[in-house]
């Protein structure tokens, strides 16, 4: 029964993404967290690093504490007074890619799934900046912020600002993976999404696997994923016209919603299993929970 028709309400607000307590926790996580592994080329490079310094010179990046002193370009330092590290073609592969879903769907939940997704991205990205040579952040449909590259620990603040300013836009999995495949080197891909439509994700994951990519799917889990509402109303909206109406939740509708939730979970698990990729369901903490225990699982998963 139609109860009310109206224009769509404003998008839900997302709490402050990176308040001071979270930033303090993030620095603790990065200090305590283990080394973030890269892809196969990264492991081979580490194995050979003691024996060889060979490779094709492809450019410079700012010196970061801990860089091999043999890679410093002293001639550039003499000219500019700034320290730069030479990058070789082999070193260029030591990178990771964050693929972030900016869809309005991630605004659901209390706190919103988007809040957890952005904080998750900051932890994974921070570990990459600390242990790898580069981090690429890809956000389909984000305009000027669609692609951004970060290098070294000092870029952490710039990464947080970038994540904080990402727009909310509709995005398709095919567009997301297309961005990855355009990169000459993308390392391990960390895909953060709710994976609400596994059928549209399957071709995208398959394309990336055929290109030799390694993917970890990250799904920030919220209470609404596990238990359907048992009472109240559910609002149904037509995005084309902006019209919406509320439907009362009775026992039959609650049971059907629960069945759909369980079916979606099984399809998500099957999708990643068939593609040979891990899917990590990380339980999103409360907005004000900035404890080590709430984020420890991310560090554990990243070290595998």
C-alpha atoms as a PDB file:
ATOM      1  CA  UNK A   1       0.000   0.000   0.000  1.00  0.00           C
ATOM      2  CA  UNK A   2       1.366   3.408  -0.977  1.00  0.00           C
ATOM      3  CA  UNK A   3       1.801   5.571   2.083  1.00  0.00           C
ATOM      4  CA  UNK A   4       3.671   8.588   0.858  1.00  0.00           C
ATOM      5  CA  UNK A   5       5.170   9.951  -2.326  1.00  0.00           C
ATOM      6  CA  UNK A   6       7.957  12.491  -2.257  1.00  0.00           C
ATOM      7  CA  UNK A   7      11.221  13.528  -3.781  1.00  0.00           C
ATOM      8  CA  UNK A   8      14.260  11.582  -2.657  1.00  0.00           C
ATOM      9  CA  UNK A   9      15.699  12.889   0.623  1.00  0.00           C
ATOM     10  CA  UNK A  10      19.267  14.237   0.751  1.00  0.00           C
ATOM     11  CA  UNK A  11      22.066  11.683   0.864  1.00  0.00           C
ATOM     12  CA  UNK A  12      22.893  10.528   4.394  1.00  0.00           C
ATOM     13  CA  UNK A  13      25.706  12.393   6.089  1.00  0.00           C
ATOM     14  CA  UNK A  14      28.954  10.571   6.851  1.00  0.00           C
ATOM     15  CA  UNK A  15      30.638  11.304  10.213  1.00  0.00           C
ATOM     16  CA  UNK A  16      34.076  12.894  10.225  1.00  0.00           C
ATOM     17  CA  UNK A  17      36.259  10.428   8.400  1.00  0.00           C
ATOM     18  CA  UNK A  18      39.652  11.002  10.000  1.00  0.00           C
ATOM     19  CA  UNK A  19      39.333  12.743  13.391  1.00  0.00           C
ATOM     20  CA  UNK A  20      42.360  13.167  15.651  1.00  0.00           C
ATOM     21  CA  UNK A  21      41.789   9.902  17.610  1.00  0.00           C
ATOM     22  CA  UNK A  22      41.672   7.904  14.377  1.00  0.00           C
ATOM     23  CA  UNK A  23      44.808   9.595  13.028  1.00  0.00           C
ATOM     24  CA  UNK A  24      46.626   8.706  16.253  1.00  0.00           C
ATOM     25  CA  UNK A  25      45.456   5.096  15.884  1.00  0.00           C
ATOM     26  CA  UNK A  26      46.523   5.037  12.236  1.00  0.00           C
ATOM     27  CA  UNK A  27      50.083   6.032  13.123  1.00  0.00           C
ATOM     28  CA  UNK A  28      50.110   3.314  15.798  1.00  0.00           C
ATOM     29  CA  UNK A  29      48.829   0.728  13.312  1.00  0.00           C
ATOM     30  CA  UNK A  30      51.482   1.670  10.768  1.00  0.00           C
ATOM     31  CA  UNK A  31      54.207   1.505  13.402  1.00  0.00           C
ATOM     32  CA  UNK A  32      53.092  -1.889  14.741  1.00  0.00           C
ATOM     33  CA  UNK A  33      51.873  -3.434  11.524  1.00  0.00           C
ATOM     34  CA  UNK A  34      53.974  -6.011   9.636  1.00  0.00           C
ATOM     35  CA  UNK A  35      55.490  -5.481   6.237  1.00  0.00           C
ATOM     36  CA  UNK A  36      52.888  -5.328   3.483  1.00  0.00           C
ATOM     37  CA  UNK A  37      53.736  -7.980   0.863  1.00  0.00           C
ATOM     38  CA  UNK A  38      53.692  -7.030  -2.786  1.00  0.00           C
ATOM     39  CA  UNK A  39      53.139  -9.191  -5.820  1.00  0.00           C
ATOM     40  CA  UNK A  40      55.376 -11.934  -7.215  1.00  0.00           C
ATOM     41  CA  UNK A  41      57.763  -9.427  -8.791  1.00  0.00           C
ATOM     42  CA  UNK A  42      58.131  -7.780  -5.395  1.00  0.00           C
ATOM     43  CA  UNK A  43      59.189 -11.049  -3.760  1.00  0.00           C
ATOM     44  CA  UNK A  44      61.614 -11.837  -6.568  1.00  0.00           C
ATOM     45  CA  UNK A  45      63.102  -8.370  -6.301  1.00  0.00           C
ATOM     46  CA  UNK A  46      63.612  -8.745  -2.571  1.00  0.00           C
ATOM     47  CA  UNK A  47      65.304 -12.104  -3.149  1.00  0.00           C
ATOM     48  CA  UNK A  48      67.721 -10.595  -5.661  1.00  0.00           C
ATOM     49  CA  UNK A  49      68.308  -7.247  -3.952  1.00  0.00           C
ATOM     50  CA  UNK A  50      71.407  -8.435  -2.117  1.00  0.00           C
ATOM     51  CA  UNK A  51      72.961  -9.751  -5.324  1.00  0.00           C
ATOM     52  CA  UNK A  52      72.105  -7.150  -7.923  1.00  0.00           C
ATOM     53  CA  UNK A  53      71.383  -3.480  -8.345  1.00  0.00           C
ATOM     54  CA  UNK A  54      70.585  -3.838 -12.037  1.00  0.00           C
ATOM     55  CA  UNK A  55      67.575  -2.474 -13.881  1.00  0.00           C
ATOM     56  CA  UNK A  56      66.590   0.154 -16.405  1.00  0.00           C
ATOM     57  CA  UNK A  57      66.513   3.695 -15.025  1.00  0.00           C
ATOM     58  CA  UNK A  58      62.985   5.118 -15.354  1.00  0.00           C
ATOM     59  CA  UNK A  59      63.056   8.234 -13.162  1.00  0.00           C
ATOM     60  CA  UNK A  60      63.282   9.633  -9.646  1.00  0.00           C
ATOM     61  CA  UNK A  61      61.123   9.811  -6.565  1.00  0.00           C
ATOM     62  CA  UNK A  62      61.736  11.784  -3.340  1.00  0.00           C
ATOM     63  CA  UNK A  63      64.054  10.046  -0.877  1.00  0.00           C
ATOM     64  CA  UNK A  64      62.283   8.250   1.975  1.00  0.00           C
ATOM     65  CA  UNK A  65      64.083   7.214   5.122  1.00  0.00           C
ATOM     66  CA  UNK A  66      65.196   3.605   4.766  1.00  0.00           C
ATOM     67  CA  UNK A  67      65.896   3.753   1.020  1.00  0.00           C
ATOM     68  CA  UNK A  68      69.056   2.034  -0.178  1.00  0.00           C
ATOM     69  CA  UNK A  69      71.806   4.681  -0.127  1.00  0.00           C
ATOM     70  CA  UNK A  70      73.245   3.190  -3.322  1.00  0.00           C
ATOM     71  CA  UNK A  71      70.102   4.349  -5.156  1.00  0.00           C
ATOM     72  CA  UNK A  72      70.457   8.024  -4.171  1.00  0.00           C
ATOM     73  CA  UNK A  73      71.219  10.327  -7.099  1.00  0.00           C
ATOM     74  CA  UNK A  74      74.056  12.384  -5.606  1.00  0.00           C
ATOM     75  CA  UNK A  75      74.449  14.431  -8.778  1.00  0.00           C
ATOM     76  CA  UNK A  76      70.824  15.584  -8.464  1.00  0.00           C
ATOM     77  CA  UNK A  77      71.451  16.358  -4.775  1.00  0.00           C
ATOM     78  CA  UNK A  78      74.444  18.525  -5.700  1.00  0.00           C
ATOM     79  CA  UNK A  79      72.321  20.485  -8.181  1.00  0.00           C
ATOM     80  CA  UNK A  80      69.158  20.928  -6.142  1.00  0.00           C
ATOM     81  CA  UNK A  81      70.064  20.317  -2.529  1.00  0.00           C
ATOM     82  CA  UNK A  82      67.250  17.727  -2.339  1.00  0.00           C
ATOM     83  CA  UNK A  83      67.633  13.971  -2.111  1.00  0.00           C
ATOM     84  CA  UNK A  84      66.103  11.727  -4.761  1.00  0.00           C
ATOM     85  CA  UNK A  85      66.100   7.951  -5.158  1.00  0.00           C
ATOM     86  CA  UNK A  86      66.705   6.447  -8.573  1.00  0.00           C
ATOM     87  CA  UNK A  87      63.892   4.179  -9.743  1.00  0.00           C
ATOM     88  CA  UNK A  88      64.690   1.190 -11.877  1.00  0.00           C
ATOM     89  CA  UNK A  89      62.193  -0.614 -14.071  1.00  0.00           C
ATOM     90  CA  UNK A  90      62.146  -3.576 -11.716  1.00  0.00           C
ATOM     91  CA  UNK A  91      61.513  -1.359  -8.694  1.00  0.00           C
ATOM     92  CA  UNK A  92      58.551   0.241 -10.432  1.00  0.00           C
ATOM     93  CA  UNK A  93      56.638  -3.013  -9.920  1.00  0.00           C
ATOM     94  CA  UNK A  94      56.741  -2.701  -6.123  1.00  0.00           C
ATOM     95  CA  UNK A  95      53.373  -1.062  -5.878  1.00  0.00           C
ATOM     96  CA  UNK A  96      49.826  -1.628  -4.680  1.00  0.00           C
ATOM     97  CA  UNK A  97      46.486  -0.388  -5.985  1.00  0.00           C
ATOM     98  CA  UNK A  98      43.477   0.703  -3.969  1.00  0.00           C
ATOM     99  CA  UNK A  99      40.257   0.393  -5.962  1.00  0.00           C
ATOM    100  CA  UNK A 100      37.466   2.190  -4.103  1.00  0.00           C
ATOM    101  CA  UNK A 101      33.744   1.967  -4.826  1.00  0.00           C
ATOM    102  CA  UNK A 102      32.246   5.487  -4.494  1.00  0.00           C
ATOM    103  CA  UNK A 103      28.628   4.362  -5.020  1.00  0.00           C
ATOM    104  CA  UNK A 104      25.748   5.916  -3.023  1.00  0.00           C
ATOM    105  CA  UNK A 105      24.916   2.390  -1.807  1.00  0.00           C
ATOM    106  CA  UNK A 106      27.817   2.627   0.608  1.00  0.00           C
ATOM    107  CA  UNK A 107      26.019   5.385   2.509  1.00  0.00           C
ATOM    108  CA  UNK A 108      23.696   2.832   4.140  1.00  0.00           C
ATOM    109  CA  UNK A 109      24.227   1.601   7.678  1.00  0.00           C
ATOM    110  CA  UNK A 110      24.818   3.107  11.076  1.00  0.00           C
ATOM    111  CA  UNK A 111      27.585   4.120  10.903  1.00  0.00           C
ATOM    112  CA  UNK A 112      27.591   4.303   7.085  1.00  0.00           C
ATOM    113  CA  UNK A 113      29.556   1.639   5.236  1.00  0.00           C
ATOM    114  CA  UNK A 114      31.364   4.443   3.398  1.00  0.00           C
ATOM    115  CA  UNK A 115      32.972   5.611   6.650  1.00  0.00           C
ATOM    116  CA  UNK A 116      34.406   2.145   7.254  1.00  0.00           C
ATOM    117  CA  UNK A 117      35.499   1.875   3.610  1.00  0.00           C
ATOM    118  CA  UNK A 118      37.490   5.109   3.736  1.00  0.00           C
ATOM    119  CA  UNK A 119      39.145   4.224   7.033  1.00  0.00           C
ATOM    120  CA  UNK A 120      39.933   0.776   5.694  1.00  0.00           C
ATOM    121  CA  UNK A 121      41.514   2.420   2.638  1.00  0.00           C
ATOM    122  CA  UNK A 122      43.636   4.651   4.864  1.00  0.00           C
ATOM    123  CA  UNK A 123      45.070   1.667   6.753  1.00  0.00           C
ATOM    124  CA  UNK A 124      45.835  -0.407   3.657  1.00  0.00           C
ATOM    125  CA  UNK A 125      47.167   2.663   1.842  1.00  0.00           C
ATOM    126  CA  UNK A 126      49.295   3.688   4.805  1.00  0.00           C
ATOM    127  CA  UNK A 127      50.885   0.241   4.987  1.00  0.00           C
ATOM    128  CA  UNK A 128      51.626   0.404   1.259  1.00  0.00           C
ATOM    129  CA  UNK A 129      53.256   3.815   1.604  1.00  0.00           C
ATOM    130  CA  UNK A 130      55.363   2.550   4.482  1.00  0.00           C
ATOM    131  CA  UNK A 131      56.609  -0.657   2.856  1.00  0.00           C
ATOM    132  CA  UNK A 132      56.257  -0.337  -0.932  1.00  0.00           C
ATOM    133  CA  UNK A 133      57.487   2.182  -3.464  1.00  0.00           C
ATOM    134  CA  UNK A 134      54.157   3.504  -4.658  1.00  0.00           C
ATOM    135  CA  UNK A 135      50.416   3.425  -4.068  1.00  0.00           C
ATOM    136  CA  UNK A 136      47.804   4.070  -6.740  1.00  0.00           C
ATOM    137  CA  UNK A 137      44.254   4.994  -5.714  1.00  0.00           C
ATOM    138  CA  UNK A 138      41.590   4.452  -8.374  1.00  0.00           C
ATOM    139  CA  UNK A 139      38.004   5.684  -7.959  1.00  0.00           C
ATOM    140  CA  UNK A 140      35.795   5.237 -11.043  1.00  0.00           C
ATOM    141  CA  UNK A 141      33.670   8.240 -11.920  1.00  0.00           C
ATOM    142  CA  UNK A 142      35.462  10.581  -9.506  1.00  0.00           C
ATOM    143  CA  UNK A 143      36.509  13.129 -12.136  1.00  0.00           C
ATOM    144  CA  UNK A 144      39.850  14.736 -11.334  1.00  0.00           C
ATOM    145  CA  UNK A 145      40.224  12.345  -8.389  1.00  0.00           C
ATOM    146  CA  UNK A 146      39.755   9.193 -10.468  1.00  0.00           C
ATOM    147  CA  UNK A 147      43.485   8.418 -10.378  1.00  0.00           C
ATOM    148  CA  UNK A 148      46.055   9.479  -7.805  1.00  0.00           C
ATOM    149  CA  UNK A 149      49.565   8.195  -7.089  1.00  0.00           C
ATOM    150  CA  UNK A 150      51.313   8.453  -3.723  1.00  0.00           C
ATOM    151  CA  UNK A 151      54.877   7.616  -2.738  1.00  0.00           C
ATOM    152  CA  UNK A 152      56.477   7.155   0.646  1.00  0.00           C
ATOM    153  CA  UNK A 153      55.433   7.692   4.243  1.00  0.00           C
ATOM    154  CA  UNK A 154      55.367  11.510   4.030  1.00  0.00           C
ATOM    155  CA  UNK A 155      52.476  11.200   1.551  1.00  0.00           C
ATOM    156  CA  UNK A 156      50.138   9.821   4.237  1.00  0.00           C
ATOM    157  CA  UNK A 157      48.516  13.185   4.990  1.00  0.00           C
ATOM    158  CA  UNK A 158      47.963  13.803   1.291  1.00  0.00           C
ATOM    159  CA  UNK A 159      46.376  10.368   0.987  1.00  0.00           C
ATOM    160  CA  UNK A 160      43.962  11.105   3.858  1.00  0.00           C
ATOM    161  CA  UNK A 161      42.977  14.420   2.289  1.00  0.00           C
ATOM    162  CA  UNK A 162      42.388  12.712  -1.047  1.00  0.00           C
ATOM    163  CA  UNK A 163      40.188  10.031   0.520  1.00  0.00           C
ATOM    164  CA  UNK A 164      38.278  12.623   2.524  1.00  0.00           C
ATOM    165  CA  UNK A 165      37.404  14.604  -0.618  1.00  0.00           C
ATOM    166  CA  UNK A 166      36.212  11.714  -2.793  1.00  0.00           C
ATOM    167  CA  UNK A 167      32.751  12.306  -4.275  1.00  0.00           C
ATOM    168  CA  UNK A 168      29.735  10.019  -4.041  1.00  0.00           C
ATOM    169  CA  UNK A 169      29.015   8.796  -7.577  1.00  0.00           C
ATOM    170  CA  UNK A 170      27.504   5.750  -9.254  1.00  0.00           C
ATOM    171  CA  UNK A 171      30.160   3.336 -10.517  1.00  0.00           C
ATOM    172  CA  UNK A 172      30.126   0.025 -12.375  1.00  0.00           C
ATOM    173  CA  UNK A 173      32.580  -2.836 -11.668  1.00  0.00           C
ATOM    174  CA  UNK A 174      33.588  -2.961 -15.340  1.00  0.00           C
ATOM    175  CA  UNK A 175      34.636   0.704 -15.189  1.00  0.00           C
ATOM    176  CA  UNK A 176      36.601   0.036 -12.027  1.00  0.00           C
ATOM    177  CA  UNK A 177      38.610  -2.844 -13.456  1.00  0.00           C
ATOM    178  CA  UNK A 178      39.160  -0.958 -16.723  1.00  0.00           C
ATOM    179  CA  UNK A 179      41.000   1.682 -14.719  1.00  0.00           C
ATOM    180  CA  UNK A 180      43.271  -0.970 -13.239  1.00  0.00           C
ATOM    181  CA  UNK A 181      44.074  -2.572 -16.583  1.00  0.00           C
ATOM    182  CA  UNK A 182      45.109   0.806 -17.998  1.00  0.00           C
ATOM    183  CA  UNK A 183      47.984   0.970 -15.512  1.00  0.00           C
ATOM    184  CA  UNK A 184      51.363  -0.348 -16.719  1.00  0.00           C
ATOM    185  CA  UNK A 185      52.032  -1.829 -13.257  1.00  0.00           C
ATOM    186  CA  UNK A 186      49.421  -2.174 -10.545  1.00  0.00           C
ATOM    187  CA  UNK A 187      50.803  -4.773  -8.098  1.00  0.00           C
ATOM    188  CA  UNK A 188      48.267  -6.306  -5.730  1.00  0.00           C
ATOM    189  CA  UNK A 189      44.803  -4.786  -6.068  1.00  0.00           C
ATOM    190  CA  UNK A 190      42.748  -4.124  -2.931  1.00  0.00           C
ATOM    191  CA  UNK A 191      39.144  -3.694  -4.078  1.00  0.00           C
ATOM    192  CA  UNK A 192      36.890  -2.058  -1.468  1.00  0.00           C
ATOM    193  CA  UNK A 193      33.167  -2.348  -2.165  1.00  0.00           C
ATOM    194  CA  UNK A 194      29.894  -3.845  -0.940  1.00  0.00           C
ATOM    195  CA  UNK A 195      29.838  -6.136  -4.035  1.00  0.00           C
ATOM    196  CA  UNK A 196      26.044  -5.751  -4.050  1.00  0.00           C
ATOM    197  CA  UNK A 197      25.684  -7.307  -7.512  1.00  0.00           C
ATOM    198  CA  UNK A 198      28.083 -10.276  -7.819  1.00  0.00           C
ATOM    199  CA  UNK A 199      26.938 -10.967 -11.390  1.00  0.00           C
ATOM    200  CA  UNK A 200      28.392  -7.655 -12.614  1.00  0.00           C
ATOM    201  CA  UNK A 201      31.617  -8.213 -10.656  1.00  0.00           C
ATOM    202  CA  UNK A 202      32.382 -11.625 -12.164  1.00  0.00           C
ATOM    203  CA  UNK A 203      33.445 -10.431 -15.672  1.00  0.00           C
ATOM    204  CA  UNK A 204      35.515  -7.661 -14.094  1.00  0.00           C
ATOM    205  CA  UNK A 205      37.370 -10.021 -11.769  1.00  0.00           C
ATOM    206  CA  UNK A 206      37.875 -12.487 -14.596  1.00  0.00           C
ATOM    207  CA  UNK A 207      39.457  -9.826 -16.812  1.00  0.00           C
ATOM    208  CA  UNK A 208      41.876  -8.839 -14.102  1.00  0.00           C
ATOM    209  CA  UNK A 209      42.821 -12.436 -13.378  1.00  0.00           C
ATOM    210  CA  UNK A 210      43.479 -13.085 -17.085  1.00  0.00           C
ATOM    211  CA  UNK A 211      45.829 -10.103 -17.032  1.00  0.00           C
ATOM    212  CA  UNK A 212      47.785 -11.762 -14.221  1.00  0.00           C
ATOM    213  CA  UNK A 213      46.478  -9.511 -11.460  1.00  0.00           C
ATOM    214  CA  UNK A 214      46.083 -10.519  -7.831  1.00  0.00           C
ATOM    215  CA  UNK A 215      43.016  -9.153  -6.069  1.00  0.00           C
ATOM    216  CA  UNK A 216      41.829  -9.015  -2.485  1.00  0.00           C
ATOM    217  CA  UNK A 217      38.189  -8.079  -2.049  1.00  0.00           C
ATOM    218  CA  UNK A 218      37.397  -6.041   1.066  1.00  0.00           C
ATOM    219  CA  UNK A 219      33.795  -5.804   2.224  1.00  0.00           C
ATOM    220  CA  UNK A 220      33.200  -3.586   5.274  1.00  0.00           C
ATOM    221  CA  UNK A 221      30.422  -5.531   7.018  1.00  0.00           C
ATOM    222  CA  UNK A 222      27.601  -3.688   8.788  1.00  0.00           C
ATOM    223  CA  UNK A 223      24.739  -4.992  10.926  1.00  0.00           C
ATOM    224  CA  UNK A 224      22.283  -4.629   8.041  1.00  0.00           C
ATOM    225  CA  UNK A 225      24.220  -7.299   6.110  1.00  0.00           C
ATOM    226  CA  UNK A 226      23.366 -10.029   8.586  1.00  0.00           C
ATOM    227  CA  UNK A 227      19.862  -9.258   9.810  1.00  0.00           C
ATOM    228  CA  UNK A 228      16.942  -7.810   7.883  1.00  0.00           C
ATOM    229  CA  UNK A 229      14.657  -5.325   9.664  1.00  0.00           C
ATOM    230  CA  UNK A 230      11.785  -7.024  11.446  1.00  0.00           C
ATOM    231  CA  UNK A 231       9.510  -4.012  11.750  1.00  0.00           C
ATOM    232  CA  UNK A 232       9.019  -0.463  10.523  1.00  0.00           C
ATOM    233  CA  UNK A 233       9.053   0.593   6.895  1.00  0.00           C
ATOM    234  CA  UNK A 234      11.300   0.179   3.898  1.00  0.00           C
ATOM    235  CA  UNK A 235      11.470   3.038   1.413  1.00  0.00           C
ATOM    236  CA  UNK A 236      11.365   2.144  -2.281  1.00  0.00           C
ATOM    237  CA  UNK A 237      12.654   4.832  -4.629  1.00  0.00           C
ATOM    238  CA  UNK A 238      12.662   5.362  -8.384  1.00  0.00           C
ATOM    239  CA  UNK A 239      16.012   7.038  -9.185  1.00  0.00           C
ATOM    240  CA  UNK A 240      14.721   8.193 -12.576  1.00  0.00           C
ATOM    241  CA  UNK A 241      11.686  10.140 -11.359  1.00  0.00           C
ATOM    242  CA  UNK A 242      12.772  10.848  -7.809  1.00  0.00           C
ATOM    243  CA  UNK A 243       9.483   9.464  -6.493  1.00  0.00           C
ATOM    244  CA  UNK A 244       9.528   7.201  -3.451  1.00  0.00           C
ATOM    245  CA  UNK A 245       7.060   5.394  -1.239  1.00  0.00           C
ATOM    246  CA  UNK A 246       7.200   3.462   2.029  1.00  0.00           C
ATOM    247  CA  UNK A 247       6.167  -0.161   2.487  1.00  0.00           C
ATOM    248  CA  UNK A 248       5.320  -1.563   5.905  1.00  0.00           C
ATOM    249  CA  UNK A 249       7.460  -4.565   6.915  1.00  0.00           C
ATOM    250  CA  UNK A 250       5.338  -7.536   7.944  1.00  0.00           C
ATOM    251  CA  UNK A 251       6.483 -11.049   8.836  1.00  0.00           C
ATOM    252  CA  UNK A 252       6.456 -12.293   5.256  1.00  0.00           C
ATOM    253  CA  UNK A 253       8.471  -9.349   3.929  1.00  0.00           C
ATOM    254  CA  UNK A 254      10.982  -9.651   6.781  1.00  0.00           C
ATOM    255  CA  UNK A 255      11.482 -13.355   5.973  1.00  0.00           C
ATOM    256  CA  UNK A 256      11.983 -12.621   2.277  1.00  0.00           C
ATOM    257  CA  UNK A 257      14.477  -9.834   3.022  1.00  0.00           C
ATOM    258  CA  UNK A 258      16.437 -12.204   5.264  1.00  0.00           C
ATOM    259  CA  UNK A 259      16.463 -14.863   2.553  1.00  0.00           C
ATOM    260  CA  UNK A 260      17.806 -12.333   0.048  1.00  0.00           C
ATOM    261  CA  UNK A 261      20.588 -11.281   2.436  1.00  0.00           C
ATOM    262  CA  UNK A 262      21.720 -14.878   2.936  1.00  0.00           C
ATOM    263  CA  UNK A 263      21.565 -15.547  -0.799  1.00  0.00           C
ATOM    264  CA  UNK A 264      23.685 -12.477  -1.531  1.00  0.00           C
ATOM    265  CA  UNK A 265      26.326 -13.574   0.966  1.00  0.00           C
ATOM    266  CA  UNK A 266      26.580 -17.015  -0.654  1.00  0.00           C
ATOM    267  CA  UNK A 267      26.865 -15.515  -4.142  1.00  0.00           C
ATOM    268  CA  UNK A 268      29.613 -13.144  -3.004  1.00  0.00           C
ATOM    269  CA  UNK A 269      31.602 -15.968  -1.435  1.00  0.00           C
ATOM    270  CA  UNK A 270      31.150 -18.143  -4.532  1.00  0.00           C
ATOM    271  CA  UNK A 271      32.237 -15.315  -6.858  1.00  0.00           C
ATOM    272  CA  UNK A 272      35.592 -14.782  -5.170  1.00  0.00           C
ATOM    273  CA  UNK A 273      36.197 -18.501  -4.658  1.00  0.00           C
ATOM    274  CA  UNK A 274      35.656 -19.194  -8.361  1.00  0.00           C
ATOM    275  CA  UNK A 275      38.041 -16.392  -9.306  1.00  0.00           C
ATOM    276  CA  UNK A 276      40.668 -17.626  -6.855  1.00  0.00           C
ATOM    277  CA  UNK A 277      40.663 -14.363  -4.899  1.00  0.00           C
ATOM    278  CA  UNK A 278      40.206 -13.860  -1.138  1.00  0.00           C
ATOM    279  CA  UNK A 279      37.188 -11.928   0.118  1.00  0.00           C
ATOM    280  CA  UNK A 280      37.663 -10.303   3.516  1.00  0.00           C
ATOM    281  CA  UNK A 281      34.554  -9.322   5.461  1.00  0.00           C
ATOM    282  CA  UNK A 282      35.782  -6.783   7.968  1.00  0.00           C
ATOM    283  CA  UNK A 283      33.251  -5.855  10.609  1.00  0.00           C
ATOM    284  CA  UNK A 284      32.951  -2.069  10.561  1.00  0.00           C
ATOM    285  CA  UNK A 285      33.455  -0.585  14.041  1.00  0.00           C
ATOM    286  CA  UNK A 286      31.419   2.264  15.502  1.00  0.00           C
ATOM    287  CA  UNK A 287      32.334   5.737  14.272  1.00  0.00           C
ATOM    288  CA  UNK A 288      33.965   6.629  17.605  1.00  0.00           C
ATOM    289  CA  UNK A 289      35.748   3.277  18.046  1.00  0.00           C
ATOM    290  CA  UNK A 290      39.398   4.046  17.360  1.00  0.00           C
ATOM    291  CA  UNK A 291      40.838   1.094  19.265  1.00  0.00           C
ATOM    292  CA  UNK A 292      43.639  -1.136  18.053  1.00  0.00           C
ATOM    293  CA  UNK A 293      41.447  -4.241  18.372  1.00  0.00           C
ATOM    294  CA  UNK A 294      38.867  -2.806  15.950  1.00  0.00           C
ATOM    295  CA  UNK A 295      41.452  -2.503  13.174  1.00  0.00           C
ATOM    296  CA  UNK A 296      43.812  -5.351  14.003  1.00  0.00           C
ATOM    297  CA  UNK A 297      42.137  -7.733  11.555  1.00  0.00           C
ATOM    298  CA  UNK A 298      43.048  -5.443   8.642  1.00  0.00           C
ATOM    299  CA  UNK A 299      46.732  -5.638   9.577  1.00  0.00           C
ATOM    300  CA  UNK A 300      46.558  -9.419   9.928  1.00  0.00           C
ATOM    301  CA  UNK A 301      44.902  -9.844   6.533  1.00  0.00           C
ATOM    302  CA  UNK A 302      47.334  -7.469   4.816  1.00  0.00           C
ATOM    303  CA  UNK A 303      50.325  -9.458   6.049  1.00  0.00           C
ATOM    304  CA  UNK A 304      49.174 -12.652   4.313  1.00  0.00           C
END
